[in-house]
């Protein structure tokens, strides 16, 4: 109970403390945390970090034309962050309650 903090804490301070703790944990293991993916144009590695899918599975989705992608002059694959987020949002499945409500009117 010696670690109890009894004063108000701003969200930004809490965010900074958590980020520092994560960085400290990774540095103890000799690893660096993955950077946040902020850019609009993503390569396959960045897309893998953003979605949590393995690169092989993403290549499969590209091959099956199930994922929006760009391949300038037949080179590397690129993806637009906004299109990927829309693709994810459009993949929503109805809950059992929503299906029941739609059926029962």
N, C-alpha and C. Protein backbone atom coordinates (compact mmCIF):
# COMPACT_ATOMS: atom_id res chain seq x y z
N UNK A 1 0.82 -1.20 0.00
CA UNK A 1 0.00 0.00 0.00
C UNK A 1 0.85 1.26 0.00
N UNK A 2 2.16 1.12 0.03
CA UNK A 2 3.03 2.29 0.01
C UNK A 2 3.03 3.00 -1.34
N UNK A 3 2.54 2.34 -2.39
CA UNK A 3 2.57 2.92 -3.73
C UNK A 3 1.28 3.66 -4.09
N UNK A 4 0.36 3.82 -3.17
CA UNK A 4 -0.91 4.48 -3.45
C UNK A 4 -0.67 5.97 -3.62
N UNK A 5 -1.20 6.51 -4.74
CA UNK A 5 -1.09 7.94 -5.02
C UNK A 5 -2.41 8.58 -4.63
N UNK A 6 -2.33 9.63 -3.85
CA UNK A 6 -3.53 10.24 -3.30
C UNK A 6 -3.80 11.64 -3.84
N UNK A 7 -3.32 11.95 -5.03
CA UNK A 7 -3.57 13.26 -5.59
C UNK A 7 -4.08 13.11 -7.02
N UNK A 8 -4.80 14.13 -7.52
CA UNK A 8 -5.34 14.03 -8.89
C UNK A 8 -4.20 13.94 -9.91
N UNK A 9 -4.48 13.24 -10.98
CA UNK A 9 -3.49 13.03 -12.03
C UNK A 9 -4.12 13.36 -13.37
N UNK A 10 -3.45 14.20 -14.16
CA UNK A 10 -3.95 14.55 -15.49
C UNK A 10 -3.78 13.35 -16.42
N UNK A 11 -4.67 13.24 -17.38
CA UNK A 11 -4.60 12.16 -18.37
C UNK A 11 -3.26 12.22 -19.10
N UNK A 12 -2.79 13.40 -19.45
CA UNK A 12 -1.52 13.52 -20.17
C UNK A 12 -0.36 13.02 -19.32
N UNK A 13 -0.42 13.27 -18.01
CA UNK A 13 0.63 12.75 -17.12
C UNK A 13 0.59 11.23 -17.05
N UNK A 14 -0.63 10.69 -16.97
CA UNK A 14 -0.78 9.24 -16.92
C UNK A 14 -0.29 8.62 -18.23
N UNK A 15 -0.63 9.23 -19.35
CA UNK A 15 -0.16 8.76 -20.66
C UNK A 15 1.36 8.74 -20.72
N UNK A 16 1.98 9.80 -20.25
CA UNK A 16 3.44 9.89 -20.26
C UNK A 16 4.05 8.81 -19.35
N UNK A 17 3.45 8.58 -18.20
CA UNK A 17 3.96 7.56 -17.28
C UNK A 17 3.87 6.17 -17.90
N UNK A 18 2.76 5.90 -18.57
CA UNK A 18 2.58 4.58 -19.20
C UNK A 18 3.59 4.40 -20.33
N UNK A 19 3.74 5.43 -21.18
CA UNK A 19 4.71 5.34 -22.27
C UNK A 19 6.12 5.09 -21.74
N UNK A 20 6.47 5.78 -20.66
CA UNK A 20 7.80 5.61 -20.07
C UNK A 20 7.97 4.20 -19.52
N UNK A 21 6.93 3.68 -18.88
CA UNK A 21 7.00 2.33 -18.34
C UNK A 21 7.17 1.30 -19.45
N UNK A 22 6.45 1.48 -20.55
CA UNK A 22 6.57 0.56 -21.69
C UNK A 22 7.97 0.64 -22.27
N UNK A 23 8.48 1.85 -22.48
CA UNK A 23 9.83 2.02 -23.01
C UNK A 23 10.86 1.39 -22.09
N UNK A 24 10.69 1.57 -20.79
CA UNK A 24 11.62 0.97 -19.81
C UNK A 24 11.57 -0.55 -19.89
N UNK A 25 10.37 -1.10 -20.01
CA UNK A 25 10.22 -2.56 -20.08
C UNK A 25 10.90 -3.11 -21.32
N UNK A 26 10.74 -2.44 -22.47
CA UNK A 26 11.38 -2.90 -23.69
C UNK A 26 12.90 -2.74 -23.61
N UNK A 27 13.37 -1.67 -23.01
CA UNK A 27 14.82 -1.46 -22.93
C UNK A 27 15.47 -2.50 -22.02
N UNK A 28 14.74 -2.96 -21.02
CA UNK A 28 15.27 -4.03 -20.16
C UNK A 28 15.44 -5.33 -20.94
N UNK A 29 14.60 -5.53 -21.94
CA UNK A 29 14.67 -6.73 -22.75
C UNK A 29 15.57 -6.53 -23.97
N UNK A 30 16.13 -5.35 -24.12
CA UNK A 30 16.99 -5.07 -25.26
C UNK A 30 16.24 -4.88 -26.56
N UNK A 31 14.96 -4.55 -26.46
CA UNK A 31 14.13 -4.34 -27.65
C UNK A 31 13.60 -2.92 -27.64
N UNK A 32 13.20 -2.48 -28.82
CA UNK A 32 12.56 -1.18 -28.94
C UNK A 32 11.09 -1.40 -29.25
N UNK A 33 10.21 -0.58 -28.65
CA UNK A 33 8.79 -0.73 -28.98
C UNK A 33 8.54 -0.33 -30.42
N UNK A 34 7.51 -0.91 -31.02
CA UNK A 34 7.15 -0.55 -32.38
C UNK A 34 6.65 0.88 -32.39
N UNK A 35 7.10 1.69 -33.35
CA UNK A 35 6.61 3.07 -33.43
C UNK A 35 5.15 3.09 -33.87
N UNK A 36 4.45 4.12 -33.44
CA UNK A 36 3.07 4.28 -33.88
C UNK A 36 3.08 4.61 -35.37
N UNK A 37 2.20 3.99 -36.10
CA UNK A 37 2.12 4.22 -37.53
C UNK A 37 1.24 5.45 -37.75
N UNK A 38 1.85 6.54 -38.18
CA UNK A 38 1.13 7.80 -38.33
C UNK A 38 0.94 8.19 -39.79
N UNK A 39 1.80 7.74 -40.70
CA UNK A 39 1.74 8.22 -42.08
C UNK A 39 0.53 7.66 -42.81
N UNK A 40 0.11 8.36 -43.86
CA UNK A 40 -1.04 7.94 -44.66
C UNK A 40 -0.67 6.78 -45.58
N UNK A 41 0.57 6.76 -46.07
CA UNK A 41 1.00 5.70 -46.97
C UNK A 41 1.80 4.68 -46.17
N UNK A 42 1.36 3.42 -46.24
CA UNK A 42 1.97 2.35 -45.46
C UNK A 42 2.58 1.30 -46.38
N UNK A 43 3.70 0.72 -45.96
CA UNK A 43 4.22 -0.44 -46.66
C UNK A 43 3.67 -1.69 -45.96
N UNK A 44 4.04 -2.86 -46.45
CA UNK A 44 3.48 -4.10 -45.91
C UNK A 44 3.85 -4.31 -44.44
N UNK A 45 5.06 -3.92 -44.05
CA UNK A 45 5.48 -4.08 -42.66
C UNK A 45 4.65 -3.19 -41.73
N UNK A 46 4.45 -1.94 -42.16
CA UNK A 46 3.66 -1.01 -41.35
C UNK A 46 2.20 -1.45 -41.28
N UNK A 47 1.70 -1.99 -42.39
CA UNK A 47 0.33 -2.50 -42.39
C UNK A 47 0.19 -3.68 -41.43
N UNK A 48 1.21 -4.51 -41.37
CA UNK A 48 1.20 -5.65 -40.45
C UNK A 48 1.13 -5.16 -39.01
N UNK A 49 1.88 -4.12 -38.68
CA UNK A 49 1.85 -3.56 -37.33
C UNK A 49 0.47 -2.95 -37.05
N UNK A 50 -0.06 -2.21 -38.01
CA UNK A 50 -1.35 -1.55 -37.82
C UNK A 50 -2.48 -2.55 -37.62
N UNK A 51 -2.52 -3.59 -38.43
CA UNK A 51 -3.64 -4.53 -38.38
C UNK A 51 -3.41 -5.71 -37.44
N UNK A 52 -2.15 -6.04 -37.18
CA UNK A 52 -1.85 -7.21 -36.38
C UNK A 52 -1.82 -8.49 -37.20
N UNK A 53 -2.05 -8.38 -38.51
CA UNK A 53 -1.99 -9.54 -39.39
C UNK A 53 -0.55 -9.80 -39.81
N UNK A 54 -0.21 -11.06 -40.03
CA UNK A 54 1.11 -11.40 -40.52
C UNK A 54 1.22 -11.00 -42.00
N UNK A 55 2.46 -10.71 -42.42
CA UNK A 55 2.68 -10.26 -43.79
C UNK A 55 2.19 -11.29 -44.81
N UNK A 56 2.38 -12.57 -44.54
CA UNK A 56 1.93 -13.60 -45.47
C UNK A 56 0.42 -13.56 -45.68
N UNK A 57 -0.33 -13.33 -44.60
CA UNK A 57 -1.78 -13.26 -44.71
C UNK A 57 -2.19 -12.01 -45.50
N UNK A 58 -1.48 -10.90 -45.28
CA UNK A 58 -1.78 -9.67 -46.02
C UNK A 58 -1.50 -9.87 -47.51
N UNK A 59 -0.41 -10.57 -47.84
CA UNK A 59 -0.11 -10.87 -49.25
C UNK A 59 -1.24 -11.72 -49.86
N UNK A 60 -1.77 -12.65 -49.08
CA UNK A 60 -2.87 -13.49 -49.55
C UNK A 60 -4.10 -12.63 -49.84
N UNK A 61 -4.41 -11.70 -48.94
CA UNK A 61 -5.56 -10.80 -49.16
C UNK A 61 -5.37 -9.94 -50.39
N UNK A 62 -4.13 -9.49 -50.62
CA UNK A 62 -3.83 -8.70 -51.82
C UNK A 62 -4.03 -9.58 -53.06
N UNK A 63 -3.48 -10.78 -53.04
CA UNK A 63 -3.59 -11.70 -54.18
C UNK A 63 -5.05 -11.98 -54.51
N UNK A 64 -5.89 -12.12 -53.48
CA UNK A 64 -7.31 -12.39 -53.68
C UNK A 64 -8.12 -11.12 -53.94
N UNK A 65 -7.42 -9.99 -54.00
CA UNK A 65 -8.05 -8.68 -54.24
C UNK A 65 -9.12 -8.35 -53.20
N UNK A 66 -8.85 -8.73 -51.95
CA UNK A 66 -9.78 -8.46 -50.86
C UNK A 66 -9.34 -7.24 -50.04
N UNK A 67 -8.19 -6.69 -50.36
CA UNK A 67 -7.61 -5.59 -49.61
C UNK A 67 -7.21 -4.50 -50.60
N UNK A 68 -7.60 -3.23 -50.34
CA UNK A 68 -7.21 -2.16 -51.26
C UNK A 68 -5.70 -1.92 -51.18
N UNK A 69 -5.04 -1.86 -52.35
CA UNK A 69 -3.59 -1.68 -52.36
C UNK A 69 -3.15 -0.93 -53.61
N UNK A 70 -1.90 -0.50 -53.60
CA UNK A 70 -1.27 0.17 -54.72
C UNK A 70 0.06 -0.51 -54.98
N UNK A 71 0.40 -0.60 -56.27
CA UNK A 71 1.66 -1.23 -56.65
C UNK A 71 2.23 -0.42 -57.82
N UNK A 72 2.85 0.74 -57.52
CA UNK A 72 3.34 1.61 -58.59
C UNK A 72 4.38 0.91 -59.46
N UNK A 73 4.15 0.94 -60.75
CA UNK A 73 5.06 0.37 -61.75
C UNK A 73 5.44 -1.07 -61.43
N UNK A 74 4.52 -1.81 -60.83
CA UNK A 74 4.76 -3.21 -60.54
C UNK A 74 5.75 -3.46 -59.42
N UNK A 75 6.05 -2.44 -58.64
CA UNK A 75 7.05 -2.57 -57.57
C UNK A 75 6.44 -3.00 -56.25
N UNK A 76 6.87 -2.34 -55.20
CA UNK A 76 6.42 -2.68 -53.84
C UNK A 76 4.95 -2.37 -53.63
N UNK A 77 4.39 -3.04 -52.65
CA UNK A 77 2.99 -2.81 -52.28
C UNK A 77 2.90 -1.63 -51.33
N UNK A 78 1.88 -0.81 -51.54
CA UNK A 78 1.59 0.30 -50.63
C UNK A 78 0.10 0.32 -50.35
N UNK A 79 -0.23 0.87 -49.21
CA UNK A 79 -1.61 0.92 -48.76
C UNK A 79 -1.88 2.30 -48.18
N UNK A 80 -3.11 2.79 -48.35
CA UNK A 80 -3.50 4.05 -47.74
C UNK A 80 -4.17 3.75 -46.41
N UNK A 81 -3.66 4.38 -45.38
CA UNK A 81 -4.18 4.17 -44.03
C UNK A 81 -5.69 4.37 -43.99
N UNK A 82 -6.18 5.45 -44.60
CA UNK A 82 -7.61 5.76 -44.56
C UNK A 82 -8.42 4.65 -45.24
N UNK A 83 -7.92 4.10 -46.35
CA UNK A 83 -8.64 3.02 -47.03
C UNK A 83 -8.65 1.74 -46.19
N UNK A 84 -7.54 1.47 -45.52
CA UNK A 84 -7.47 0.27 -44.67
C UNK A 84 -8.44 0.41 -43.50
N UNK A 85 -8.49 1.59 -42.88
CA UNK A 85 -9.41 1.80 -41.76
C UNK A 85 -10.86 1.69 -42.23
N UNK A 86 -11.16 2.20 -43.43
CA UNK A 86 -12.51 2.05 -43.98
C UNK A 86 -12.81 0.59 -44.26
N UNK A 87 -11.83 -0.14 -44.81
CA UNK A 87 -11.99 -1.58 -45.07
C UNK A 87 -12.31 -2.32 -43.78
N UNK A 88 -11.61 -1.98 -42.72
CA UNK A 88 -11.86 -2.62 -41.43
C UNK A 88 -13.26 -2.27 -40.93
N UNK A 89 -13.61 -0.98 -41.00
CA UNK A 89 -14.92 -0.54 -40.51
C UNK A 89 -16.06 -1.17 -41.30
N UNK A 90 -15.86 -1.38 -42.61
CA UNK A 90 -16.90 -1.98 -43.45
C UNK A 90 -17.03 -3.48 -43.24
N UNK A 91 -16.13 -4.06 -42.46
CA UNK A 91 -16.17 -5.50 -42.21
C UNK A 91 -16.94 -5.84 -40.93
N UNK A 92 -17.64 -4.87 -40.40
CA UNK A 92 -18.37 -5.08 -39.15
C UNK A 92 -19.46 -6.13 -39.33
N UNK A 93 -19.59 -6.97 -38.34
CA UNK A 93 -20.63 -7.99 -38.33
C UNK A 93 -21.66 -7.62 -37.27
N UNK A 94 -22.91 -7.86 -37.59
CA UNK A 94 -23.99 -7.55 -36.66
C UNK A 94 -23.93 -8.47 -35.44
N UNK A 95 -24.32 -7.93 -34.30
CA UNK A 95 -24.41 -8.75 -33.09
C UNK A 95 -25.66 -9.62 -33.16
N UNK A 96 -25.72 -10.62 -32.31
CA UNK A 96 -26.91 -11.48 -32.26
C UNK A 96 -28.15 -10.64 -31.93
N UNK A 97 -27.98 -9.67 -31.05
CA UNK A 97 -29.10 -8.82 -30.66
C UNK A 97 -29.58 -8.00 -31.86
N UNK A 98 -28.66 -7.45 -32.65
CA UNK A 98 -29.04 -6.67 -33.82
C UNK A 98 -29.76 -7.54 -34.85
N UNK A 99 -29.29 -8.76 -35.05
CA UNK A 99 -29.94 -9.67 -35.99
C UNK A 99 -31.33 -10.01 -35.49
N UNK A 100 -31.45 -10.29 -34.20
CA UNK A 100 -32.75 -10.62 -33.63
C UNK A 100 -33.74 -9.46 -33.79
N UNK A 101 -33.26 -8.24 -33.55
CA UNK A 101 -34.12 -7.07 -33.69
C UNK A 101 -34.56 -6.87 -35.14
N UNK A 102 -33.65 -7.14 -36.08
CA UNK A 102 -34.00 -6.98 -37.49
C UNK A 102 -35.03 -8.02 -37.92
N UNK A 103 -34.89 -9.23 -37.41
CA UNK A 103 -35.82 -10.30 -37.77
C UNK A 103 -37.19 -10.07 -37.15
N UNK A 104 -37.20 -9.64 -35.88
CA UNK A 104 -38.47 -9.47 -35.15
C UNK A 104 -39.12 -8.12 -35.37
N UNK A 105 -38.42 -7.25 -36.07
CA UNK A 105 -39.01 -5.98 -36.45
C UNK A 105 -38.93 -4.99 -35.39
